[in-house]
Amino acid sequence: MRPCGITEWIMASDEELRAELDRLRAENEALKRPRGQTSLKVTERGALSVYGFGRFPVTLYREQWEKLLNMSDEIRLFIKDNDECLNKTKSVPSPAPPLDVYPRETDMSTPNTQFWRTGRRR
């Protein structure tokens, strides 16, 4: 009895399996890039993704990239003016305060206190 959708069994030879394995290994090596190297890609939906800044790509549509690039002088000035407040990627963030500084009588599951735990409102 054959599984649903399979009309015939096809067995690949050892040579074909080895060739496919070699092809996949070469493809994996080509996809790996050294840390700090960036790359660009057009997504299926037509957006531009920049890879290499972190775990996830930075993806924006053309108009968004153009708007951001037009703000480059303003962004550079803002970074310069706020340099002492901005973290560098290599720096270690300051540790969170001990839990006992939070009010004990406050229910931590309410929306107003979620900000304390996560740094952002939910």
N, C-alpha and C. Protein backbone atom coordinates (compact mmCIF):
# COMPACT_ATOMS: atom_id res chain seq x y z
N MET A 1 0.85 -1.19 0.00
CA MET A 1 0.00 0.00 0.00
C MET A 1 0.89 1.25 0.00
N ARG A 2 0.60 2.20 -0.91
CA ARG A 2 1.40 3.41 -1.03
C ARG A 2 0.73 4.56 -0.29
N PRO A 3 1.54 5.48 0.28
CA PRO A 3 0.96 6.66 0.92
C PRO A 3 0.18 7.49 -0.09
N CYS A 4 -0.79 8.21 0.37
CA CYS A 4 -1.64 9.04 -0.47
C CYS A 4 -0.81 10.05 -1.25
N GLY A 5 -1.05 10.14 -2.55
CA GLY A 5 -0.37 11.13 -3.37
C GLY A 5 0.89 10.63 -4.04
N ILE A 6 1.42 9.51 -3.65
CA ILE A 6 2.63 8.97 -4.27
C ILE A 6 2.20 7.94 -5.29
N THR A 7 2.58 8.16 -6.53
CA THR A 7 2.16 7.25 -7.59
C THR A 7 3.20 6.18 -7.87
N GLU A 8 4.46 6.46 -7.56
CA GLU A 8 5.49 5.43 -7.72
C GLU A 8 6.65 5.74 -6.79
N TRP A 9 7.37 4.72 -6.41
CA TRP A 9 8.52 4.88 -5.53
C TRP A 9 9.74 5.12 -6.39
N ILE A 10 10.51 6.13 -6.05
CA ILE A 10 11.74 6.43 -6.78
C ILE A 10 12.89 6.38 -5.78
N MET A 11 13.83 5.53 -6.03
CA MET A 11 15.00 5.43 -5.16
C MET A 11 16.18 6.09 -5.87
N ALA A 12 16.81 7.02 -5.19
CA ALA A 12 17.98 7.67 -5.75
C ALA A 12 19.20 6.79 -5.52
N SER A 13 20.10 6.83 -6.47
CA SER A 13 21.32 6.05 -6.32
C SER A 13 22.24 6.73 -5.32
N ASP A 14 23.22 6.01 -4.84
CA ASP A 14 24.19 6.58 -3.89
C ASP A 14 24.89 7.78 -4.50
N GLU A 15 25.21 7.70 -5.79
CA GLU A 15 25.90 8.82 -6.45
C GLU A 15 25.01 10.06 -6.48
N GLU A 16 23.71 9.86 -6.76
CA GLU A 16 22.79 10.99 -6.81
C GLU A 16 22.61 11.61 -5.42
N LEU A 17 22.53 10.77 -4.41
CA LEU A 17 22.41 11.27 -3.04
C LEU A 17 23.65 12.05 -2.63
N ARG A 18 24.82 11.54 -2.96
CA ARG A 18 26.07 12.23 -2.62
C ARG A 18 26.17 13.56 -3.37
N ALA A 19 25.76 13.57 -4.65
CA ALA A 19 25.81 14.80 -5.44
C ALA A 19 24.86 15.85 -4.84
N GLU A 20 23.66 15.42 -4.43
CA GLU A 20 22.71 16.34 -3.81
C GLU A 20 23.24 16.85 -2.47
N LEU A 21 23.85 15.98 -1.69
CA LEU A 21 24.43 16.38 -0.42
C LEU A 21 25.55 17.40 -0.64
N ASP A 22 26.40 17.17 -1.61
CA ASP A 22 27.49 18.12 -1.92
C ASP A 22 26.92 19.46 -2.37
N ARG A 23 25.85 19.41 -3.19
CA ARG A 23 25.24 20.64 -3.66
C ARG A 23 24.66 21.45 -2.50
N LEU A 24 23.99 20.75 -1.58
CA LEU A 24 23.40 21.43 -0.42
C LEU A 24 24.47 21.99 0.51
N ARG A 25 25.56 21.26 0.70
CA ARG A 25 26.66 21.78 1.53
C ARG A 25 27.27 23.03 0.92
N ALA A 26 27.46 23.02 -0.41
CA ALA A 26 28.01 24.19 -1.09
C ALA A 26 27.05 25.38 -0.97
N GLU A 27 25.76 25.11 -1.07
CA GLU A 27 24.76 26.17 -0.94
C GLU A 27 24.78 26.76 0.47
N ASN A 28 24.90 25.90 1.48
CA ASN A 28 24.98 26.38 2.87
C ASN A 28 26.20 27.24 3.08
N GLU A 29 27.34 26.84 2.55
CA GLU A 29 28.57 27.63 2.71
C GLU A 29 28.43 28.99 2.02
N ALA A 30 27.77 29.00 0.87
CA ALA A 30 27.58 30.27 0.17
C ALA A 30 26.65 31.20 0.94
N LEU A 31 25.70 30.64 1.67
CA LEU A 31 24.76 31.46 2.44
C LEU A 31 25.38 32.01 3.71
N LYS A 32 26.38 31.33 4.23
CA LYS A 32 27.04 31.82 5.45
C LYS A 32 27.86 33.04 5.09
N ARG A 33 27.83 34.04 5.94
CA ARG A 33 28.66 35.21 5.71
C ARG A 33 29.32 35.59 7.02
N PRO A 34 30.50 36.17 6.94
CA PRO A 34 31.20 36.56 8.17
C PRO A 34 30.39 37.57 8.97
N ARG A 35 30.59 37.57 10.27
CA ARG A 35 29.90 38.54 11.13
C ARG A 35 30.25 39.95 10.72
N GLY A 36 29.25 40.81 10.77
CA GLY A 36 29.46 42.21 10.43
C GLY A 36 29.28 42.50 8.95
N GLN A 37 29.21 41.49 8.12
CA GLN A 37 29.00 41.71 6.70
C GLN A 37 27.51 41.86 6.44
N THR A 38 27.14 42.87 5.69
CA THR A 38 25.72 43.11 5.41
C THR A 38 25.40 42.69 3.98
N SER A 39 24.14 42.40 3.77
CA SER A 39 23.67 42.05 2.43
C SER A 39 22.26 42.58 2.24
N LEU A 40 21.87 42.71 0.98
CA LEU A 40 20.56 43.24 0.62
C LEU A 40 19.76 42.18 -0.11
N LYS A 41 18.44 42.23 0.08
CA LYS A 41 17.57 41.27 -0.59
C LYS A 41 16.21 41.92 -0.81
N VAL A 42 15.61 41.64 -1.97
CA VAL A 42 14.24 42.07 -2.23
C VAL A 42 13.33 40.93 -1.81
N THR A 43 12.35 41.24 -0.95
CA THR A 43 11.45 40.22 -0.43
C THR A 43 10.39 39.87 -1.46
N GLU A 44 9.62 38.85 -1.17
CA GLU A 44 8.53 38.42 -2.06
C GLU A 44 7.50 39.53 -2.26
N ARG A 45 7.32 40.37 -1.26
CA ARG A 45 6.33 41.44 -1.34
C ARG A 45 6.92 42.74 -1.90
N GLY A 46 8.18 42.70 -2.30
CA GLY A 46 8.77 43.87 -2.93
C GLY A 46 9.41 44.86 -1.98
N ALA A 47 9.68 44.46 -0.75
CA ALA A 47 10.36 45.32 0.20
C ALA A 47 11.86 45.05 0.13
N LEU A 48 12.66 45.93 0.70
CA LEU A 48 14.10 45.78 0.74
C LEU A 48 14.51 45.38 2.16
N SER A 49 15.22 44.26 2.28
CA SER A 49 15.70 43.80 3.58
C SER A 49 17.21 43.94 3.64
N VAL A 50 17.71 44.46 4.74
CA VAL A 50 19.14 44.56 4.99
C VAL A 50 19.47 43.55 6.07
N TYR A 51 20.34 42.61 5.74
CA TYR A 51 20.77 41.57 6.67
C TYR A 51 22.14 41.92 7.23
N GLY A 52 22.41 41.50 8.46
CA GLY A 52 23.73 41.65 9.04
C GLY A 52 23.82 42.59 10.21
N PHE A 53 22.71 43.25 10.58
CA PHE A 53 22.74 44.14 11.74
C PHE A 53 22.47 43.41 13.03
N GLY A 54 21.75 42.33 12.97
CA GLY A 54 21.38 41.58 14.16
C GLY A 54 20.76 40.28 13.74
N ARG A 55 19.98 39.73 14.63
CA ARG A 55 19.37 38.43 14.37
C ARG A 55 18.36 38.48 13.24
N PHE A 56 17.63 39.58 13.14
CA PHE A 56 16.59 39.72 12.13
C PHE A 56 16.96 40.82 11.15
N PRO A 57 16.46 40.75 9.92
CA PRO A 57 16.76 41.80 8.95
C PRO A 57 15.96 43.07 9.24
N VAL A 58 16.44 44.18 8.71
CA VAL A 58 15.70 45.44 8.74
C VAL A 58 15.01 45.53 7.39
N THR A 59 13.68 45.53 7.39
CA THR A 59 12.92 45.47 6.15
C THR A 59 11.97 46.65 6.05
N LEU A 60 12.10 47.41 4.98
CA LEU A 60 11.22 48.55 4.71
C LEU A 60 10.89 48.56 3.23
N TYR A 61 9.78 49.21 2.89
CA TYR A 61 9.43 49.39 1.49
C TYR A 61 10.20 50.59 0.93
N ARG A 62 10.24 50.70 -0.39
CA ARG A 62 11.05 51.71 -1.07
C ARG A 62 10.80 53.12 -0.52
N GLU A 63 9.54 53.51 -0.40
CA GLU A 63 9.23 54.86 0.07
C GLU A 63 9.76 55.09 1.49
N GLN A 64 9.69 54.04 2.31
CA GLN A 64 10.19 54.15 3.68
C GLN A 64 11.70 54.32 3.68
N TRP A 65 12.42 53.55 2.83
CA TRP A 65 13.88 53.70 2.74
C TRP A 65 14.24 55.09 2.25
N GLU A 66 13.52 55.59 1.23
CA GLU A 66 13.81 56.93 0.70
C GLU A 66 13.60 57.99 1.77
N LYS A 67 12.52 57.87 2.54
CA LYS A 67 12.25 58.83 3.61
C LYS A 67 13.35 58.77 4.67
N LEU A 68 13.77 57.56 5.03
CA LEU A 68 14.83 57.39 6.02
C LEU A 68 16.16 57.94 5.51
N LEU A 69 16.49 57.65 4.26
CA LEU A 69 17.75 58.15 3.69
C LEU A 69 17.74 59.67 3.57
N ASN A 70 16.59 60.26 3.30
CA ASN A 70 16.50 61.72 3.26
C ASN A 70 16.70 62.35 4.63
N MET A 71 16.50 61.56 5.69
CA MET A 71 16.69 62.04 7.06
C MET A 71 18.10 61.79 7.57
N SER A 72 19.02 61.33 6.73
CA SER A 72 20.34 60.89 7.21
C SER A 72 21.09 61.98 7.96
N ASP A 73 21.06 63.22 7.47
CA ASP A 73 21.75 64.31 8.18
C ASP A 73 21.13 64.54 9.55
N GLU A 74 19.80 64.50 9.62
CA GLU A 74 19.10 64.69 10.89
C GLU A 74 19.42 63.56 11.87
N ILE A 75 19.48 62.33 11.36
CA ILE A 75 19.81 61.17 12.21
C ILE A 75 21.23 61.29 12.73
N ARG A 76 22.17 61.66 11.87
CA ARG A 76 23.57 61.82 12.31
C ARG A 76 23.69 62.90 13.39
N LEU A 77 23.00 64.02 13.22
CA LEU A 77 23.02 65.08 14.21
C LEU A 77 22.41 64.62 15.53
N PHE A 78 21.30 63.88 15.44
CA PHE A 78 20.64 63.36 16.64
C PHE A 78 21.58 62.41 17.39
N ILE A 79 22.25 61.54 16.66
CA ILE A 79 23.20 60.61 17.29
C ILE A 79 24.32 61.38 17.97
N LYS A 80 24.84 62.40 17.29
CA LYS A 80 25.92 63.21 17.86
C LYS A 80 25.46 63.92 19.13
N ASP A 81 24.25 64.50 19.09
CA ASP A 81 23.72 65.23 20.25
C ASP A 81 23.39 64.32 21.42
N ASN A 82 23.08 63.06 21.16
CA ASN A 82 22.66 62.13 22.21
C ASN A 82 23.67 61.00 22.42
N ASP A 83 24.89 61.23 22.04
CA ASP A 83 25.91 60.19 22.09
C ASP A 83 26.07 59.58 23.48
N GLU A 84 26.01 60.40 24.51
CA GLU A 84 26.21 59.88 25.87
C GLU A 84 25.04 59.01 26.33
N CYS A 85 23.88 59.14 25.73
CA CYS A 85 22.71 58.35 26.12
C CYS A 85 22.57 57.06 25.31
N LEU A 86 23.21 56.99 24.16
CA LEU A 86 23.03 55.86 23.26
C LEU A 86 24.03 54.77 23.55
N ASN A 87 23.57 53.53 23.55
CA ASN A 87 24.45 52.38 23.76
C ASN A 87 25.11 51.98 22.45
N LYS A 88 26.30 51.47 22.57
CA LYS A 88 26.98 50.87 21.43
C LYS A 88 26.61 49.40 21.40
N THR A 89 26.69 48.75 20.27
CA THR A 89 26.27 47.35 20.17
C THR A 89 27.15 46.43 21.00
N LYS A 90 28.40 46.79 21.22
CA LYS A 90 29.31 45.95 22.00
C LYS A 90 29.11 46.12 23.51
N SER A 91 28.47 47.21 23.93
CA SER A 91 28.33 47.46 25.36
C SER A 91 27.30 46.53 25.98
N VAL A 92 27.48 46.24 27.24
CA VAL A 92 26.55 45.40 27.98
C VAL A 92 25.54 46.31 28.65
N PRO A 93 24.24 46.05 28.46
CA PRO A 93 23.24 46.90 29.10
C PRO A 93 23.31 46.81 30.62
N SER A 94 22.91 47.88 31.27
CA SER A 94 22.95 47.88 32.72
C SER A 94 21.94 46.87 33.25
N PRO A 95 22.28 46.21 34.36
CA PRO A 95 21.37 45.19 34.89
C PRO A 95 20.09 45.80 35.42
N ALA A 96 19.04 45.01 35.43
CA ALA A 96 17.75 45.46 35.95
C ALA A 96 17.86 45.65 37.46
N PRO A 97 17.09 46.58 38.02
CA PRO A 97 17.12 46.76 39.46
C PRO A 97 16.57 45.53 40.16
N PRO A 98 16.97 45.32 41.43
CA PRO A 98 16.44 44.17 42.17
C PRO A 98 14.92 44.23 42.25
N LEU A 99 14.31 43.06 42.35
CA LEU A 99 12.85 42.99 42.36
C LEU A 99 12.22 43.70 43.54
N ASP A 100 12.92 43.80 44.67
CA ASP A 100 12.30 44.38 45.85
C ASP A 100 12.15 45.91 45.75
N VAL A 101 12.62 46.57 44.68
CA VAL A 101 12.38 48.00 44.55
C VAL A 101 11.00 48.26 43.94
N TYR A 102 10.36 47.23 43.37
CA TYR A 102 9.02 47.39 42.83
C TYR A 102 8.02 47.40 43.97
N PRO A 103 6.95 48.15 43.84
CA PRO A 103 5.93 48.15 44.90
C PRO A 103 5.33 46.75 45.07
N ARG A 104 5.34 46.26 46.30
CA ARG A 104 4.86 44.90 46.55
C ARG A 104 3.35 44.80 46.44
N GLU A 105 2.63 45.88 46.76
CA GLU A 105 1.18 45.81 46.73
C GLU A 105 0.60 45.92 45.32
N THR A 106 1.42 46.24 44.34
CA THR A 106 0.94 46.40 42.97
C THR A 106 0.86 45.04 42.29
N ASP A 107 -0.26 44.81 41.62
CA ASP A 107 -0.43 43.58 40.85
C ASP A 107 0.35 43.73 39.54
N MET A 108 1.37 42.89 39.33
CA MET A 108 2.24 43.02 38.17
C MET A 108 1.57 42.61 36.86
N SER A 109 0.35 42.09 36.90
CA SER A 109 -0.30 41.67 35.67
C SER A 109 -1.18 42.76 35.06
N THR A 110 -1.35 43.89 35.75
CA THR A 110 -2.18 44.95 35.19
C THR A 110 -1.39 45.69 34.11
N PRO A 111 -2.07 46.25 33.10
CA PRO A 111 -1.38 46.91 31.99
C PRO A 111 -0.43 48.01 32.42
N ASN A 112 -0.78 48.79 33.44
CA ASN A 112 0.08 49.90 33.86
C ASN A 112 1.40 49.44 34.47
N THR A 113 1.43 48.25 35.03
CA THR A 113 2.67 47.80 35.65
C THR A 113 3.47 46.89 34.73
N GLN A 114 2.92 46.50 33.57
CA GLN A 114 3.69 45.72 32.61
C GLN A 114 4.91 46.50 32.15
N PHE A 115 4.80 47.82 32.12
CA PHE A 115 5.91 48.66 31.70
C PHE A 115 7.13 48.45 32.60
N TRP A 116 6.90 48.23 33.88
CA TRP A 116 8.00 48.04 34.81
C TRP A 116 8.78 46.78 34.50
N ARG A 117 8.05 45.71 34.17
CA ARG A 117 8.69 44.43 33.99
C ARG A 117 9.39 44.31 32.63
N THR A 118 8.76 44.81 31.57
CA THR A 118 9.28 44.57 30.23
C THR A 118 9.93 45.77 29.59
N GLY A 119 9.70 46.95 30.14
CA GLY A 119 10.24 48.14 29.53
C GLY A 119 9.33 48.70 28.44
N ARG A 120 8.20 48.06 28.21
CA ARG A 120 7.26 48.54 27.22
C ARG A 120 5.85 48.14 27.64
N ARG A 121 4.88 48.90 27.18
CA ARG A 121 3.49 48.59 27.49
C ARG A 121 2.99 47.51 26.56
N ARG A 122 2.09 46.68 27.06
CA ARG A 122 1.48 45.64 26.23
C ARG A 122 0.07 45.98 25.89
